[in-house]
């Protein structure tokens, strides 16, 4: 009908619906919370000895059993979670920081600097990470801060390559070229345009790196070159349990199960974040 008002067929925009967090995310939150308050919720002190109940099977008094010194395995799993999660999180953040710096500089500056940084990245990728870490750890006899640096400084290369590709794509966009045309400096372009745009990608990469770092620390500790006793970590609990796996399997089952579930949860959360559509750039 001519002159008639056009009817708006688009319904009202509904508010975003609340979605329940995934089981993987809930598991990680509960685990992190339990590790943070481990001294308050653990049933025993980490090094408390119960010599009358050495190698005790799981029971009401010791839910995860006891080890060869009568120490409560549940307590040591919770205490070890603090160490393993701290190494995983801090080393992943270290990798993210170095990778973002290398990738963004390579993507922004281009030319010879890009070539030099990417060849260094390729060279690092050619070196097997686990043997390198084990060799360095055997020489340094590392504590937790040293392990964080070792794992973090050998795991930035994948992040650097991803951030470089994202940065090159962003630098080719019109709004960045306009900012450069009016005299915006490289640091300003980096802070105002590049970093906000790569945050979603960086979040996914960091989440996945946490799981890899926990697995690396556990592997190193299992071979005796990671976190050293009496400090508990999931890896050195497995190392101490390897000689009694056939007679006291619970000593290996529970720390191994927590390693498996934590790495699986980190990878699941990272995969879920990668599927979330990000807002388009300007």
Protein backbone atom coordinates (compact mmCIF):
# COMPACT_ATOMS: atom_id res chain seq x y z
CA UNK A 1 0.00 0.00 0.00
CA UNK A 2 1.40 3.39 -1.09
CA UNK A 3 2.07 5.87 1.69
CA UNK A 4 1.53 3.32 4.36
CA UNK A 5 4.08 3.15 7.11
CA UNK A 6 6.51 0.35 6.68
CA UNK A 7 6.01 -2.34 9.30
CA UNK A 8 9.09 -3.27 11.26
CA UNK A 9 9.28 -7.05 10.99
CA UNK A 10 12.32 -7.30 13.21
CA UNK A 11 11.36 -8.20 16.75
CA UNK A 12 12.80 -6.60 19.86
CA UNK A 13 16.41 -7.36 20.58
CA UNK A 14 16.48 -9.78 23.48
CA UNK A 15 19.03 -9.57 26.24
CA UNK A 16 21.84 -12.12 26.04
CA UNK A 17 20.86 -15.31 27.77
CA UNK A 18 22.91 -16.54 30.70
CA UNK A 19 24.70 -19.76 29.91
CA UNK A 20 25.93 -22.16 32.53
CA UNK A 21 29.73 -22.55 32.53
CA UNK A 22 31.01 -25.74 30.97
CA UNK A 23 31.96 -28.70 33.19
CA UNK A 24 35.61 -28.20 32.21
CA UNK A 25 35.57 -24.59 33.38
CA UNK A 26 33.77 -25.53 36.60
CA UNK A 27 36.35 -28.22 37.27
CA UNK A 28 39.21 -25.75 36.80
CA UNK A 29 37.55 -23.17 39.05
CA UNK A 30 36.96 -25.73 41.80
CA UNK A 31 40.51 -27.06 41.46
CA UNK A 32 42.05 -23.59 41.58
CA UNK A 33 39.89 -22.68 44.58
CA UNK A 34 40.79 -25.91 46.36
CA UNK A 35 44.50 -25.38 45.67
CA UNK A 36 44.33 -21.79 46.90
CA UNK A 37 42.84 -22.81 50.26
CA UNK A 38 44.57 -26.18 50.48
CA UNK A 39 46.03 -25.52 53.96
CA UNK A 40 42.50 -24.87 55.23
CA UNK A 41 40.68 -27.79 53.61
CA UNK A 42 43.39 -30.47 53.57
CA UNK A 43 42.71 -33.06 56.26
CA UNK A 44 46.36 -33.31 57.34
CA UNK A 45 49.61 -31.40 57.11
CA UNK A 46 51.48 -32.20 53.85
CA UNK A 47 54.43 -33.81 55.67
CA UNK A 48 52.54 -35.29 58.62
CA UNK A 49 53.69 -38.88 59.12
CA UNK A 50 51.46 -41.76 60.14
CA UNK A 51 54.01 -44.57 60.45
CA UNK A 52 51.40 -46.95 61.80
CA UNK A 53 49.43 -46.60 58.55
CA UNK A 54 52.15 -46.66 55.89
CA UNK A 55 50.94 -47.52 52.36
CA UNK A 56 47.38 -47.52 53.63
CA UNK A 57 44.62 -48.19 51.11
CA UNK A 58 41.93 -45.52 50.53
CA UNK A 59 39.63 -45.37 53.53
CA UNK A 60 37.40 -43.04 55.50
CA UNK A 61 40.40 -41.65 57.37
CA UNK A 62 42.54 -41.28 54.23
CA UNK A 63 40.33 -40.93 51.15
CA UNK A 64 43.21 -41.36 48.69
CA UNK A 65 45.27 -43.65 50.92
CA UNK A 66 48.75 -43.01 52.33
CA UNK A 67 52.24 -43.26 50.85
CA UNK A 68 55.36 -45.13 51.97
CA UNK A 69 55.90 -42.64 54.83
CA UNK A 70 52.28 -42.61 55.96
CA UNK A 71 51.56 -39.18 54.45
CA UNK A 72 47.99 -38.51 53.34
CA UNK A 73 47.80 -38.68 49.53
CA UNK A 74 44.74 -36.41 49.29
CA UNK A 75 46.60 -33.69 51.18
CA UNK A 76 49.63 -34.05 48.95
CA UNK A 77 47.47 -33.97 45.79
CA UNK A 78 45.92 -30.69 46.94
CA UNK A 79 49.32 -29.30 47.91
CA UNK A 80 50.83 -30.50 44.64
CA UNK A 81 48.02 -28.77 42.77
CA UNK A 82 49.28 -25.43 44.07
CA UNK A 83 52.74 -26.10 42.64
CA UNK A 84 51.65 -27.64 39.34
CA UNK A 85 48.97 -25.01 38.65
CA UNK A 86 51.32 -22.16 39.59
CA UNK A 87 54.00 -23.44 37.23
CA UNK A 88 51.45 -24.01 34.48
CA UNK A 89 49.79 -20.60 34.80
CA UNK A 90 52.91 -18.48 35.32
CA UNK A 91 54.93 -20.19 32.60
CA UNK A 92 52.00 -19.84 30.17
CA UNK A 93 51.80 -16.12 30.98
CA UNK A 94 55.56 -15.84 30.43
CA UNK A 95 55.23 -17.56 27.05
CA UNK A 96 52.30 -15.29 26.15
CA UNK A 97 54.25 -12.16 27.08
CA UNK A 98 57.37 -13.10 25.10
CA UNK A 99 55.37 -14.46 22.16
CA UNK A 100 53.20 -11.35 21.97
CA UNK A 101 56.25 -9.09 22.06
CA UNK A 102 58.10 -11.01 19.35
CA UNK A 103 55.02 -11.56 17.16
CA UNK A 104 53.69 -8.01 17.34
CA UNK A 105 57.09 -6.43 16.65
CA UNK A 106 57.68 -8.79 13.72
CA UNK A 107 54.22 -8.13 12.31
CA UNK A 108 54.40 -4.35 12.71
CA UNK A 109 57.94 -3.61 11.60
CA UNK A 110 58.28 -6.16 8.80
CA UNK A 111 61.26 -6.34 6.47
CA UNK A 112 64.60 -7.40 7.96
CA UNK A 113 63.45 -7.38 11.60
CA UNK A 114 60.53 -9.68 10.77
CA UNK A 115 62.92 -11.99 8.94
CA UNK A 116 65.40 -12.11 11.84
CA UNK A 117 62.74 -12.70 14.50
CA UNK A 118 60.99 -15.41 12.51
CA UNK A 119 64.24 -17.24 11.77
CA UNK A 120 65.03 -17.21 15.51
CA UNK A 121 61.51 -18.56 16.14
CA UNK A 122 62.00 -21.30 13.54
CA UNK A 123 65.34 -22.25 15.08
CA UNK A 124 63.74 -22.55 18.51
CA UNK A 125 60.93 -24.69 17.08
CA UNK A 126 63.53 -27.10 15.66
CA UNK A 127 64.95 -27.83 19.13
CA UNK A 128 63.07 -30.64 20.96
CA UNK A 129 61.55 -28.91 23.96
CA UNK A 130 61.45 -31.71 26.53
CA UNK A 131 65.12 -32.86 26.12
CA UNK A 132 66.23 -29.21 26.25
CA UNK A 133 64.27 -28.61 29.44
CA UNK A 134 65.53 -31.80 31.06
CA UNK A 135 69.13 -30.93 30.22
CA UNK A 136 68.78 -27.39 31.57
CA UNK A 137 67.00 -28.61 34.69
CA UNK A 138 69.64 -31.27 35.35
CA UNK A 139 72.33 -28.59 35.22
CA UNK A 140 70.49 -25.93 37.23
CA UNK A 141 68.72 -28.15 39.79
CA UNK A 142 65.76 -25.76 39.54
CA UNK A 143 63.28 -24.54 42.09
CA UNK A 144 59.74 -23.46 41.19
CA UNK A 145 60.65 -19.93 39.90
CA UNK A 146 63.42 -21.38 37.73
CA UNK A 147 61.04 -23.98 36.30
CA UNK A 148 58.55 -21.24 35.47
CA UNK A 149 61.21 -19.38 33.50
CA UNK A 150 62.54 -22.51 31.78
CA UNK A 151 59.11 -23.72 30.67
CA UNK A 152 57.92 -20.21 29.78
CA UNK A 153 61.01 -19.20 27.77
CA UNK A 154 60.90 -22.37 25.68
CA UNK A 155 57.21 -22.21 24.79
CA UNK A 156 56.63 -18.78 23.21
CA UNK A 157 57.24 -19.69 19.57
CA UNK A 158 53.74 -20.88 18.61
CA UNK A 159 52.23 -17.77 20.21
CA UNK A 160 54.69 -15.54 18.37
CA UNK A 161 53.74 -17.00 14.99
CA UNK A 162 50.00 -16.66 15.65
CA UNK A 163 50.31 -13.08 16.93
CA UNK A 164 52.52 -12.13 13.98
CA UNK A 165 49.88 -13.35 11.52
CA UNK A 166 47.13 -11.48 13.41
CA UNK A 167 49.24 -8.31 13.57
CA UNK A 168 49.99 -8.34 9.85
CA UNK A 169 46.27 -8.68 9.14
CA UNK A 170 45.41 -5.79 11.47
CA UNK A 171 48.13 -3.54 10.07
CA UNK A 172 46.59 -3.90 6.60
CA UNK A 173 43.21 -2.55 7.75
CA UNK A 174 42.07 0.93 6.81
CA UNK A 175 41.64 2.31 10.32
CA UNK A 176 45.25 1.44 11.21
CA UNK A 177 46.55 2.98 7.99
CA UNK A 178 44.49 6.08 8.73
CA UNK A 179 45.99 6.31 12.22
CA UNK A 180 49.49 6.04 10.76
CA UNK A 181 48.67 8.67 8.14
CA UNK A 182 47.81 11.25 10.80
CA UNK A 183 51.07 10.58 12.60
CA UNK A 184 50.25 7.91 15.22
CA UNK A 185 53.46 6.41 16.57
CA UNK A 186 54.21 2.67 16.49
CA UNK A 187 53.72 2.28 20.29
CA UNK A 188 50.35 4.04 20.05
CA UNK A 189 49.22 1.82 17.17
CA UNK A 190 50.35 -1.22 19.15
CA UNK A 191 48.51 -0.26 22.35
CA UNK A 192 45.36 1.24 20.82
CA UNK A 193 44.77 -1.05 17.84
CA UNK A 194 46.90 -4.19 17.71
CA UNK A 195 46.83 -5.49 21.29
CA UNK A 196 43.04 -5.13 21.82
CA UNK A 197 42.44 -6.99 18.55
CA UNK A 198 44.71 -9.94 19.39
CA UNK A 199 43.39 -10.45 22.94
CA UNK A 200 40.87 -13.20 21.93
CA UNK A 201 43.54 -15.15 20.04
CA UNK A 202 46.05 -14.63 22.84
CA UNK A 203 43.53 -15.86 25.42
CA UNK A 204 43.02 -19.12 23.54
CA UNK A 205 46.76 -19.64 23.04
CA UNK A 206 47.48 -18.98 26.73
CA UNK A 207 44.75 -21.36 27.93
CA UNK A 208 46.13 -24.15 25.77
CA UNK A 209 49.67 -23.35 26.92
CA UNK A 210 48.66 -23.85 30.56
CA UNK A 211 47.79 -27.49 29.89
CA UNK A 212 51.03 -28.08 27.99
CA UNK A 213 53.08 -26.48 30.76
CA UNK A 214 51.45 -28.63 33.46
CA UNK A 215 52.15 -31.74 31.39
CA UNK A 216 55.77 -30.69 30.83
CA UNK A 217 56.36 -29.99 34.52
CA UNK A 218 54.80 -33.32 35.44
CA UNK A 219 56.98 -35.14 32.90
CA UNK A 220 60.14 -33.43 34.14
CA UNK A 221 59.29 -34.17 37.77
CA UNK A 222 58.48 -37.79 36.86
CA UNK A 223 62.03 -38.14 35.51
CA UNK A 224 63.45 -36.53 38.64
CA UNK A 225 64.61 -33.20 37.15
CA UNK A 226 61.60 -31.07 38.03
CA UNK A 227 60.19 -30.07 41.41
CA UNK A 228 62.29 -31.77 44.05
CA UNK A 229 60.95 -33.49 47.20
CA UNK A 230 59.88 -32.79 49.85
CA UNK A 231 57.91 -30.17 47.87
CA UNK A 232 54.92 -32.01 46.44
CA UNK A 233 53.89 -31.79 42.80
CA UNK A 234 51.81 -34.19 40.76
CA UNK A 235 54.85 -35.14 38.70
CA UNK A 236 57.16 -36.04 41.58
CA UNK A 237 54.30 -37.94 43.26
CA UNK A 238 54.23 -40.13 40.16
CA UNK A 239 58.02 -40.38 40.26
CA UNK A 240 57.93 -41.62 43.85
CA UNK A 241 55.10 -44.06 43.07
CA UNK A 242 56.64 -45.74 40.02
CA UNK A 243 58.36 -48.48 42.03
CA UNK A 244 55.12 -49.51 43.80
CA UNK A 245 52.56 -49.22 41.00
CA UNK A 246 51.83 -52.95 41.09
CA UNK A 247 51.31 -53.09 44.86
CA UNK A 248 50.03 -49.60 45.77
CA UNK A 249 48.44 -48.31 42.53
CA UNK A 250 46.52 -45.53 44.28
CA UNK A 251 49.79 -43.65 44.79
CA UNK A 252 49.98 -43.19 41.01
CA UNK A 253 46.29 -43.23 40.08
CA UNK A 254 45.21 -40.08 41.91
CA UNK A 255 47.98 -37.65 40.85
CA UNK A 256 47.87 -39.11 37.34
CA UNK A 257 44.10 -38.66 37.21
CA UNK A 258 44.38 -35.02 38.27
CA UNK A 259 47.03 -34.37 35.61
CA UNK A 260 44.81 -35.94 32.97
CA UNK A 261 41.65 -34.08 34.00
CA UNK A 262 43.39 -30.73 34.38
CA UNK A 263 45.11 -30.86 30.99
CA UNK A 264 41.87 -32.07 29.38
CA UNK A 265 39.91 -29.24 31.02
CA UNK A 266 42.44 -26.60 29.91
CA UNK A 267 42.34 -27.87 26.32
CA UNK A 268 38.53 -28.03 26.36
CA UNK A 269 38.21 -24.48 27.67
CA UNK A 270 40.76 -23.26 25.12
CA UNK A 271 38.88 -24.99 22.30
CA UNK A 272 35.59 -23.48 23.51
CA UNK A 273 37.10 -19.99 23.60
CA UNK A 274 38.40 -20.46 20.09
CA UNK A 275 34.85 -21.11 18.86
CA UNK A 276 33.38 -17.97 20.41
CA UNK A 277 32.84 -15.45 17.61
CA UNK A 278 34.72 -12.24 18.28
CA UNK A 279 33.37 -8.84 17.44
CA UNK A 280 34.49 -7.63 14.07
CA UNK A 281 37.06 -4.89 13.93
CA UNK A 282 36.10 -1.39 12.91
